[in-house]
Every structure is written in C-alpha cells, then in structure tokens.
Protein backbone atom coordinates (compact mmCIF):
# COMPACT_ATOMS: atom_id res chain seq x y z
CA MET A 1 -33.60 2.39 -28.31
CA PRO A 2 -35.44 -0.82 -27.35
CA THR A 3 -37.38 -2.72 -29.98
CA GLU A 4 -41.15 -2.91 -30.28
CA ARG A 5 -40.94 -6.47 -28.96
CA PHE A 6 -39.37 -5.20 -25.76
CA LEU A 7 -41.92 -2.40 -25.37
CA LYS A 8 -44.74 -4.96 -25.57
CA LEU A 9 -43.38 -6.97 -22.64
CA PRO A 10 -45.32 -6.94 -19.34
CA GLU A 11 -44.30 -4.00 -17.14
CA GLU A 12 -42.98 -6.32 -14.42
CA LYS A 13 -40.59 -8.02 -16.86
CA LYS A 14 -39.41 -4.70 -18.32
CA GLU A 15 -38.72 -3.42 -14.81
CA LYS A 16 -36.68 -6.53 -13.96
CA ILE A 17 -34.59 -6.12 -17.11
CA LEU A 18 -34.07 -2.41 -16.38
CA GLU A 19 -32.93 -3.19 -12.84
CA ALA A 20 -30.44 -5.76 -14.17
CA LEU A 21 -29.12 -3.25 -16.70
CA ILE A 22 -28.67 -0.51 -14.11
CA ARG A 23 -26.84 -2.85 -11.73
CA GLU A 24 -24.41 -3.94 -14.42
CA PHE A 25 -23.74 -0.49 -15.85
CA CYS A 26 -23.28 0.92 -12.34
CA ASP A 27 -20.70 -1.74 -11.49
CA GLU A 28 -18.73 -1.76 -14.74
CA PRO A 29 -17.47 0.69 -17.39
CA LEU A 30 -19.04 0.17 -20.81
CA GLU A 31 -16.21 -1.94 -22.22
CA SER A 32 -16.43 -4.36 -19.27
CA VAL A 33 -20.21 -4.72 -19.16
CA SER A 34 -21.20 -8.40 -19.36
CA ILE A 35 -24.24 -9.45 -21.36
CA ASN A 36 -24.06 -12.79 -19.57
CA ARG A 37 -24.48 -11.16 -16.15
CA ILE A 38 -27.33 -9.03 -17.43
CA ILE A 39 -29.30 -11.96 -18.86
CA ARG A 40 -28.64 -14.02 -15.73
CA ASP A 41 -29.88 -11.26 -13.41
CA ALA A 42 -32.84 -10.43 -15.66
CA GLY A 43 -33.83 -14.07 -16.18
CA ILE A 44 -33.81 -13.90 -19.99
CA SER A 45 -31.91 -15.68 -22.74
CA ARG A 46 -29.03 -14.18 -24.73
CA GLY A 47 -31.20 -14.44 -27.84
CA SER A 48 -33.95 -12.47 -26.12
CA PHE A 49 -31.51 -9.72 -25.16
CA TYR A 50 -30.62 -9.18 -28.82
CA THR A 51 -34.27 -9.09 -29.82
CA TYR A 52 -34.76 -6.29 -27.27
CA PHE A 53 -31.55 -4.27 -27.81
CA GLU A 54 -29.06 -3.91 -30.63
CA ASP A 55 -26.02 -3.95 -28.34
CA LYS A 56 -24.68 -2.72 -24.99
CA GLN A 57 -24.71 0.90 -26.14
CA ASP A 58 -28.37 0.55 -27.11
CA ALA A 59 -29.15 -0.87 -23.67
CA LEU A 60 -27.33 2.06 -22.06
CA SER A 61 -29.40 4.48 -24.15
CA TYR A 62 -32.53 2.78 -22.83
CA ILE A 63 -31.38 3.32 -19.24
CA GLY A 64 -30.89 7.01 -20.01
CA MET A 65 -34.34 7.21 -21.59
CA GLU A 66 -35.99 5.68 -18.52
CA LEU A 67 -34.05 7.90 -16.11
CA ARG A 68 -35.10 10.98 -18.09
CA ARG A 69 -38.72 9.83 -18.05
CA GLY A 70 -38.52 9.39 -14.29
CA ASN A 71 -36.99 12.85 -13.93
CA ASP A 72 -39.81 14.37 -15.97
CA GLU A 73 -42.43 12.84 -13.67
CA SER A 74 -40.47 13.91 -10.59
CA LEU A 75 -40.26 17.50 -11.82
CA LYS A 76 -43.99 17.57 -12.54
CA ASN A 77 -44.65 16.29 -9.03
CA CYS A 78 -42.41 19.01 -7.57
CA ILE A 79 -44.33 21.66 -9.54
CA CYS A 80 -47.53 20.40 -7.91
CA LEU A 81 -45.98 20.25 -4.43
CA ALA A 82 -44.71 23.81 -4.81
CA GLU A 83 -48.19 24.92 -5.88
CA GLY A 84 -46.85 26.37 -9.11
CA ASP A 85 -43.88 28.26 -7.62
CA PHE A 86 -41.33 27.60 -10.37
CA PHE A 87 -38.09 28.18 -8.49
CA ARG A 88 -39.35 26.50 -5.32
CA ALA A 89 -40.22 23.47 -7.46
CA LEU A 90 -36.69 23.38 -8.88
CA GLU A 91 -35.30 23.52 -5.35
CA LEU A 92 -37.42 20.51 -4.39
CA PHE A 93 -36.44 18.73 -7.60
CA ILE A 94 -32.65 18.93 -7.08
CA GLN A 95 -33.11 17.58 -3.55
CA GLU A 96 -35.28 14.72 -4.79
CA ALA A 97 -32.94 13.99 -7.69
CA TRP A 98 -29.88 13.82 -5.44
CA SER A 99 -31.67 11.47 -3.04
CA TYR A 100 -32.55 9.20 -5.95
CA LEU A 101 -28.99 9.24 -7.31
CA LYS A 102 -27.58 8.19 -3.93
CA LYS A 103 -30.24 5.59 -3.17
CA ASN A 104 -29.94 3.83 -6.53
CA ASN A 105 -26.16 4.15 -7.00
CA ILE A 106 -26.72 6.11 -10.22
CA CYS A 107 -23.57 8.13 -9.46
CA SER A 108 -21.49 5.08 -10.41
CA LEU A 109 -23.38 4.87 -13.69
CA GLN A 110 -22.76 8.57 -14.33
CA LYS A 111 -19.03 8.13 -13.69
CA ASN A 112 -18.80 5.14 -16.01
CA VAL A 113 -20.52 7.04 -18.81
CA ALA A 114 -18.43 10.17 -18.29
CA MET A 115 -15.16 8.22 -18.34
CA GLN A 116 -15.79 6.61 -21.72
CA ALA A 117 -12.92 7.38 -24.06
CA ASN A 118 -15.28 8.88 -26.62
CA ALA A 119 -17.40 10.80 -24.12
CA ASN A 120 -18.50 14.22 -25.32
CA PRO A 121 -17.52 16.85 -22.71
CA LEU A 122 -20.68 18.75 -23.64
CA TYR A 123 -23.01 15.78 -23.27
CA VAL A 124 -25.05 17.69 -20.68
CA LEU A 125 -26.50 19.52 -23.69
CA GLU A 126 -27.48 16.38 -25.58
CA GLU A 127 -30.94 16.49 -24.03
CA LEU A 128 -31.83 19.08 -26.67
CA SER A 129 -29.63 17.92 -29.55
CA SER A 130 -31.96 15.54 -31.42
CA GLU A 131 -35.51 15.68 -32.67
CA GLY A 132 -36.78 12.96 -30.35
CA LYS A 133 -35.23 14.52 -27.26
CA GLU A 134 -36.32 17.99 -28.31
CA SER A 135 -39.91 16.78 -28.69
CA ARG A 136 -39.82 15.25 -25.21
CA PHE A 137 -38.36 18.40 -23.69
CA THR A 138 -40.84 20.60 -25.54
CA GLU A 139 -43.72 18.52 -24.24
CA LEU A 140 -42.38 18.80 -20.70
CA SER A 141 -41.83 22.54 -21.09
CA ASN A 142 -45.39 23.04 -22.32
CA TRP A 143 -46.78 21.10 -19.37
CA ILE A 144 -44.78 23.14 -16.87
CA TYR A 145 -45.74 26.39 -18.60
CA ASP A 146 -49.41 25.52 -18.05
CA HIS A 147 -48.91 24.59 -14.38
CA VAL A 148 -46.63 27.27 -12.93
CA ASP A 149 -47.54 30.67 -11.56
CA ARG A 150 -46.26 32.79 -14.42
CA SER A 151 -47.23 36.04 -12.70
CA LYS A 152 -43.90 35.80 -10.82
CA LEU A 153 -41.84 35.29 -13.99
CA LYS A 154 -40.74 37.83 -16.58
CA VAL A 155 -41.54 35.65 -19.57
CA ALA A 156 -43.66 36.91 -22.44
CA ASP A 157 -44.67 33.59 -23.97
CA GLN A 158 -43.96 29.86 -24.15
CA ARG A 159 -40.81 30.34 -26.23
CA GLU A 160 -39.27 32.60 -23.60
CA PHE A 161 -40.34 30.24 -20.84
CA GLN A 162 -38.72 27.31 -22.62
CA SER A 163 -35.48 29.30 -22.85
CA LEU A 164 -35.63 29.90 -19.10
CA LEU A 165 -36.27 26.22 -18.47
CA VAL A 166 -33.34 25.20 -20.67
CA VAL A 167 -30.93 27.35 -18.65
CA CYS A 168 -32.30 26.04 -15.34
CA TYR A 169 -32.24 22.48 -16.63
CA ILE A 170 -28.58 22.73 -17.68
CA ASN A 171 -27.67 24.06 -14.23
CA ILE A 172 -29.46 21.11 -12.60
CA MET A 173 -27.73 18.61 -14.88
CA VAL A 174 -24.31 20.14 -14.23
CA THR A 175 -24.95 20.01 -10.48
CA ALA A 176 -26.04 16.36 -10.67
CA ILE A 177 -22.88 15.45 -12.59
CA GLU A 178 -20.68 17.37 -10.14
CA LEU A 179 -22.32 15.62 -7.19
CA CYS A 180 -21.56 12.25 -8.77
CA MET A 181 -18.00 13.08 -9.79
CA ARG A 182 -16.95 14.87 -6.58
CA PRO A 183 -18.05 12.72 -3.62
CA GLY A 184 -17.83 14.27 -0.18
CA GLN A 185 -18.39 17.80 -1.46
CA GLU A 186 -22.19 17.75 -1.42
CA GLU A 187 -22.61 20.80 0.82
CA GLU A 188 -20.29 22.98 -1.24
CA LEU A 189 -21.72 21.85 -4.59
CA LEU A 190 -25.33 22.39 -3.54
CA LYS A 191 -24.38 25.82 -2.20
CA MET A 192 -22.91 26.76 -5.59
CA HIS A 193 -25.99 25.35 -7.30
CA ASN A 194 -28.21 27.58 -5.18
CA ILE A 195 -26.04 30.60 -6.00
CA ARG A 196 -26.40 29.93 -9.73
CA MET A 197 -30.16 29.53 -9.33
CA ARG A 198 -30.31 32.79 -7.39
CA PHE A 199 -28.50 34.54 -10.23
CA LEU A 200 -31.13 33.19 -12.61
CA GLN A 201 -33.97 34.16 -10.34
CA GLU A 202 -32.80 37.62 -9.27
CA GLY A 203 -30.20 38.63 -11.86
CA VAL A 204 -26.70 39.87 -11.14
CA LEU A 205 -27.02 43.61 -11.74
CA ASN A 206 -27.02 45.94 -8.76
CA HIS A 207 -30.19 48.04 -9.09
CA GLU A 208 -29.47 50.41 -6.21
C-alpha cells in the first residue's frame, strides 16, 4: 500500500501518478513493467517513486485499491439511481462497470494480473480474505443495507444481507473477469450473468 508521504500529496498529483501506473500495467505484464516509464509519465523522480511505493507489486496493489474504491462509489450511486431496488441496482452496476473497463482499458490490466505465474485461481475471493479488505466490504455492506428496500428481500438481519451481497459480488467479479478474458463474447457472458442473478433473485426450485 502507498506510504503516508504519498497519501499527503495533492489530489491532482496522486491522480497523475495513478494514471501513469494504470497505463503501464495495462500495457505490460508485471515482470516487464518499467519504473522508468512510470516516473517519466508521472513527472516524478525515481527516488520519489520509492518513497511512495515499496516496489512494482506495491504499486499494483494501490491500483487495485483505487479501482475497488471507485467500484464502491459506483455501486452506491447505482443504489440511489435504482431508488433502493437491490437487484435493479446490481443490474445498473454491471453495465456501468463494463463501460468503465472498456473505456479505461482495464481489461488489459486484468489479463496481465491473471496471467502472472503465481496468480491465485481463486483471487476473485481475495476481496474478503484480509482484515483490511473485510473492513472495507463490511462498511460497504452496512451502507447498502441502510439504503435498499429490504421489504423485497428475504433477509432477517445485516449478517444475512451481507451473505447475500457476498454471493452477488462474487458473481459480478466473475463476470467482469470473463468479459476481460473472453473478448467478443460480451452478449453471451452478460446473458449468463443475468441468468445467475435471476437464480439468486428467484431461486431455482419449481414451486408449482
């Protein structure tokens, strides 16, 4: 994670550094990422880079942190646009997320991360695997719980709602990864995403 010195930088400078990082990590796999290109594009010295980040992996972790923060704000906005309709908000969110991935070339970044030799095939679950991430997700879950229309959901309390959100969140993450890794199959992948969401929303048992 970035150092306190980095976090105290003016927002404009942090944004410029983030943009330079995303460009480099989108264009190159981790082992080929060039610190020299990053510092040139960001307009900082090599010494400054190492006072902000420990190494390339640390810088990549920062990108992930910022993308997750942006996703959190996007999901909150979708909850508001859907006037508290939970599943409608998730529908809006996957559309917005896919537009962002395409516009900012994040699919290339996703591919580069996924193709690392030491990549964990279950890394879609890492959002909930550490205390810091769990705290962030719990905070997001609590916010959503307070802003959705729970009268339409069969959840007894916040714990049950968080479990529902985890399952939905994993489905969204899997879909985003599939969209990045399987170009040209957007229609089919989004159709399958909607089917999985329908199973979550309506169940799979025939009640006739």
